[in-house]
Amino acid sequence: MIRYTLICDKDHSFESWFASADAFDTLNASGHVACVACGSTHVSKTIMAPAVKNGLTTPQDPHLAALRDKIEASSDYVGENFATEARAMHDGEKPDRAIYGQANATDARKLREDGIPVLPLPFMPRKRSN
């Protein structure tokens, strides 16, 4: 995992995690990286200091691991159906419940614009079947 500090064309700065530098490049080139403040997909990396390791291997951040475990234990994984499920709950078509999954930048922006609360997670969900 790699964390980048990003900036959009409207000068909003934010951080996000990616599986690799190549993953960021691929997602960004296809318009799937969006500003958390305004939804712009015109995003670039900012200059940042590298994290220097002391030669010791460190496990995943325990706080992040605990957050992931809590979300996965108390929420339903809906995979790529996240936007559809969130909208159905908001519209009263399905009962409210905690969910997590994936949404592309366009769908996430539309949810926010419609007043449906969504937040990006600081990790990728584990591979699960729907």
C-alpha atoms as a PDB file:
ATOM      1  CA  MET A   1       0.000   0.000   0.000  1.00  0.00           C
ATOM      2  CA  ILE A   2       1.117   3.529  -0.745  1.00  0.00           C
ATOM      3  CA  ARG A   3      -0.350   6.793   0.520  1.00  0.00           C
ATOM      4  CA  TYR A   4      -0.339   9.836  -1.721  1.00  0.00           C
ATOM      5  CA  THR A   5      -1.165  13.421  -0.943  1.00  0.00           C
ATOM      6  CA  LEU A   6      -3.270  14.548  -3.894  1.00  0.00           C
ATOM      7  CA  ILE A   7      -4.586  17.855  -5.188  1.00  0.00           C
ATOM      8  CA  CYS A   8      -7.423  18.556  -7.609  1.00  0.00           C
ATOM      9  CA  ASP A   9      -7.684  21.274 -10.242  1.00  0.00           C
ATOM     10  CA  LYS A  10      -9.696  23.362  -7.766  1.00  0.00           C
ATOM     11  CA  ASP A  11      -6.806  23.294  -5.242  1.00  0.00           C
ATOM     12  CA  HIS A  12      -8.384  20.866  -2.748  1.00  0.00           C
ATOM     13  CA  SER A  13      -5.743  18.741  -1.029  1.00  0.00           C
ATOM     14  CA  PHE A  14      -6.466  15.241   0.311  1.00  0.00           C
ATOM     15  CA  GLU A  15      -4.803  11.897   0.953  1.00  0.00           C
ATOM     16  CA  SER A  16      -5.652   8.463  -0.367  1.00  0.00           C
ATOM     17  CA  TRP A  17      -4.190   4.950  -0.284  1.00  0.00           C
ATOM     18  CA  PHE A  18      -3.432   2.818  -3.334  1.00  0.00           C
ATOM     19  CA  ALA A  19      -2.242  -0.740  -3.808  1.00  0.00           C
ATOM     20  CA  SER A  20       0.804   0.534  -5.727  1.00  0.00           C
ATOM     21  CA  ALA A  21       2.119   3.464  -7.761  1.00  0.00           C
ATOM     22  CA  ASP A  22       0.930   1.661 -10.904  1.00  0.00           C
ATOM     23  CA  ALA A  23      -2.543   1.250  -9.383  1.00  0.00           C
ATOM     24  CA  PHE A  24      -2.749   5.008  -8.796  1.00  0.00           C
ATOM     25  CA  ASP A  25      -1.593   5.755 -12.351  1.00  0.00           C
ATOM     26  CA  THR A  26      -4.126   3.338 -13.856  1.00  0.00           C
ATOM     27  CA  LEU A  27      -7.040   4.551 -11.731  1.00  0.00           C
ATOM     28  CA  ASN A  28      -6.194   8.210 -12.256  1.00  0.00           C
ATOM     29  CA  ALA A  29      -5.806   7.826 -16.036  1.00  0.00           C
ATOM     30  CA  SER A  30      -9.259   6.222 -16.233  1.00  0.00           C
ATOM     31  CA  GLY A  31     -10.925   8.965 -14.150  1.00  0.00           C
ATOM     32  CA  HIS A  32     -11.516   6.813 -11.064  1.00  0.00           C
ATOM     33  CA  VAL A  33      -9.640   9.053  -8.617  1.00  0.00           C
ATOM     34  CA  ALA A  34     -11.865  11.894  -7.460  1.00  0.00           C
ATOM     35  CA  CYS A  35     -11.446  14.802  -5.068  1.00  0.00           C
ATOM     36  CA  VAL A  36     -13.198  14.123  -1.777  1.00  0.00           C
ATOM     37  CA  ALA A  37     -14.273  17.777  -1.503  1.00  0.00           C
ATOM     38  CA  CYS A  38     -15.663  18.541  -4.958  1.00  0.00           C
ATOM     39  CA  GLY A  39     -15.614  15.284  -6.937  1.00  0.00           C
ATOM     40  CA  SER A  40     -13.246  16.579  -9.631  1.00  0.00           C
ATOM     41  CA  THR A  41     -11.407  13.794 -11.427  1.00  0.00           C
ATOM     42  CA  HIS A  42      -8.579  16.129 -12.485  1.00  0.00           C
ATOM     43  CA  VAL A  43      -6.249  14.968  -9.721  1.00  0.00           C
ATOM     44  CA  SER A  44      -2.467  14.892  -9.415  1.00  0.00           C
ATOM     45  CA  LYS A  45       0.086  13.878  -6.810  1.00  0.00           C
ATOM     46  CA  THR A  46       1.775  16.594  -4.766  1.00  0.00           C
ATOM     47  CA  ILE A  47       5.393  16.659  -3.724  1.00  0.00           C
ATOM     48  CA  MET A  48       5.800  14.618  -0.575  1.00  0.00           C
ATOM     49  CA  ALA A  49       8.608  13.319   1.578  1.00  0.00           C
ATOM     50  CA  PRO A  50       9.238   9.594   1.275  1.00  0.00           C
ATOM     51  CA  ALA A  51       8.666   7.374   4.262  1.00  0.00           C
ATOM     52  CA  VAL A  52      12.067   6.007   5.214  1.00  0.00           C
ATOM     53  CA  LYS A  53      12.154   2.655   6.953  1.00  0.00           C
ATOM     54  CA  ASN A  54      14.745   1.772   9.548  1.00  0.00           C
ATOM     55  CA  GLY A  55      15.336  -1.667   8.067  1.00  0.00           C
ATOM     56  CA  LEU A  56      12.846  -3.363  10.372  1.00  0.00           C
ATOM     57  CA  THR A  57       9.688  -4.762   8.898  1.00  0.00           C
ATOM     58  CA  THR A  58       6.546  -3.282  10.387  1.00  0.00           C
ATOM     59  CA  PRO A  59       3.102  -4.850  10.304  1.00  0.00           C
ATOM     60  CA  GLN A  60       0.088  -3.035   8.918  1.00  0.00           C
ATOM     61  CA  ASP A  61      -0.972  -0.056  11.030  1.00  0.00           C
ATOM     62  CA  PRO A  62      -2.875  -1.659  13.939  1.00  0.00           C
ATOM     63  CA  HIS A  63      -5.424   1.186  14.018  1.00  0.00           C
ATOM     64  CA  LEU A  64      -6.188   0.731  10.333  1.00  0.00           C
ATOM     65  CA  ALA A  65      -6.418  -3.044  10.771  1.00  0.00           C
ATOM     66  CA  ALA A  66      -8.788  -2.602  13.735  1.00  0.00           C
ATOM     67  CA  LEU A  67     -10.946  -0.186  11.722  1.00  0.00           C
ATOM     68  CA  ARG A  68     -11.106  -2.641   8.819  1.00  0.00           C
ATOM     69  CA  ASP A  69     -12.052  -5.518  11.143  1.00  0.00           C
ATOM     70  CA  LYS A  70     -14.796  -3.430  12.789  1.00  0.00           C
ATOM     71  CA  ILE A  71     -16.282  -2.281   9.474  1.00  0.00           C
ATOM     72  CA  GLU A  72     -16.222  -5.782   8.025  1.00  0.00           C
ATOM     73  CA  ALA A  73     -17.791  -7.275  11.168  1.00  0.00           C
ATOM     74  CA  SER A  74     -20.571  -4.699  11.495  1.00  0.00           C
ATOM     75  CA  SER A  75     -21.446  -3.989   7.850  1.00  0.00           C
ATOM     76  CA  ASP A  76     -22.701  -5.863   4.824  1.00  0.00           C
ATOM     77  CA  TYR A  77     -20.325  -6.103   1.868  1.00  0.00           C
ATOM     78  CA  VAL A  78     -22.233  -5.214  -1.317  1.00  0.00           C
ATOM     79  CA  GLY A  79     -19.286  -5.089  -3.732  1.00  0.00           C
ATOM     80  CA  GLU A  80     -19.848  -3.132  -6.924  1.00  0.00           C
ATOM     81  CA  ASN A  81     -23.555  -2.743  -6.042  1.00  0.00           C
ATOM     82  CA  PHE A  82     -22.668  -0.092  -3.442  1.00  0.00           C
ATOM     83  CA  ALA A  83     -24.185   2.902  -5.258  1.00  0.00           C
ATOM     84  CA  THR A  84     -27.412   1.030  -6.079  1.00  0.00           C
ATOM     85  CA  GLU A  85     -27.799  -0.259  -2.511  1.00  0.00           C
ATOM     86  CA  ALA A  86     -27.042   3.145  -0.932  1.00  0.00           C
ATOM     87  CA  ARG A  87     -29.577   4.886  -3.186  1.00  0.00           C
ATOM     88  CA  ALA A  88     -32.254   2.228  -2.518  1.00  0.00           C
ATOM     89  CA  MET A  89     -31.833   2.684   1.244  1.00  0.00           C
ATOM     90  CA  HIS A  90     -31.931   6.478   0.896  1.00  0.00           C
ATOM     91  CA  ASP A  91     -35.110   6.282  -1.208  1.00  0.00           C
ATOM     92  CA  GLY A  92     -36.789   3.945   1.315  1.00  0.00           C
ATOM     93  CA  GLU A  93     -36.875   1.011  -1.102  1.00  0.00           C
ATOM     94  CA  LYS A  94     -34.662  -1.083   1.205  1.00  0.00           C
ATOM     95  CA  PRO A  95     -34.209  -1.019   4.973  1.00  0.00           C
ATOM     96  CA  ASP A  96     -31.291   1.012   6.331  1.00  0.00           C
ATOM     97  CA  ARG A  97     -28.183  -0.927   7.261  1.00  0.00           C
ATOM     98  CA  ALA A  98     -24.437  -0.389   7.304  1.00  0.00           C
ATOM     99  CA  ILE A  99     -22.852  -1.324   3.972  1.00  0.00           C
ATOM    100  CA  TYR A 100     -19.492  -1.051   2.247  1.00  0.00           C
ATOM    101  CA  GLY A 101     -18.239  -1.859  -1.232  1.00  0.00           C
ATOM    102  CA  GLN A 102     -16.974  -0.141  -4.361  1.00  0.00           C
ATOM    103  CA  ALA A 103     -18.322   2.772  -6.388  1.00  0.00           C
ATOM    104  CA  ASN A 104     -16.758   4.589  -9.302  1.00  0.00           C
ATOM    105  CA  ALA A 105     -16.042   8.316  -8.982  1.00  0.00           C
ATOM    106  CA  THR A 106     -19.099   9.359 -11.000  1.00  0.00           C
ATOM    107  CA  ASP A 107     -21.520   7.266  -8.917  1.00  0.00           C
ATOM    108  CA  ALA A 108     -19.940   8.415  -5.633  1.00  0.00           C
ATOM    109  CA  ARG A 109     -20.220  12.071  -6.705  1.00  0.00           C
ATOM    110  CA  LYS A 110     -23.894  11.611  -7.674  1.00  0.00           C
ATOM    111  CA  LEU A 111     -24.632  10.034  -4.290  1.00  0.00           C
ATOM    112  CA  ARG A 112     -23.022  12.989  -2.485  1.00  0.00           C
ATOM    113  CA  GLU A 113     -24.825  15.509  -4.701  1.00  0.00           C
ATOM    114  CA  ASP A 114     -28.138  13.831  -3.832  1.00  0.00           C
ATOM    115  CA  GLY A 115     -27.420  14.105  -0.104  1.00  0.00           C
ATOM    116  CA  ILE A 116     -26.622  10.429   0.379  1.00  0.00           C
ATOM    117  CA  PRO A 117     -23.772  10.182   2.894  1.00  0.00           C
ATOM    118  CA  VAL A 118     -20.806   8.170   1.601  1.00  0.00           C
ATOM    119  CA  LEU A 119     -17.151   8.152   2.599  1.00  0.00           C
ATOM    120  CA  PRO A 120     -14.096   6.548   1.036  1.00  0.00           C
ATOM    121  CA  LEU A 121     -12.447   3.884   3.161  1.00  0.00           C
ATOM    122  CA  PRO A 122      -8.690   4.038   3.808  1.00  0.00           C
ATOM    123  CA  PHE A 123      -8.319   0.425   2.626  1.00  0.00           C
ATOM    124  CA  MET A 124      -9.498  -1.896  -0.106  1.00  0.00           C
ATOM    125  CA  PRO A 125     -12.049  -4.514   0.931  1.00  0.00           C
ATOM    126  CA  ARG A 126     -10.764  -8.045   1.144  1.00  0.00           C
ATOM    127  CA  LYS A 127     -11.705 -10.225  -1.801  1.00  0.00           C
ATOM    128  CA  ARG A 128     -15.232 -11.465  -1.144  1.00  0.00           C
ATOM    129  CA  SER A 129     -17.976 -12.864  -3.288  1.00  0.00           C
ATOM    130  CA  ASN A 130     -21.349 -11.088  -3.464  1.00  0.00           C
END
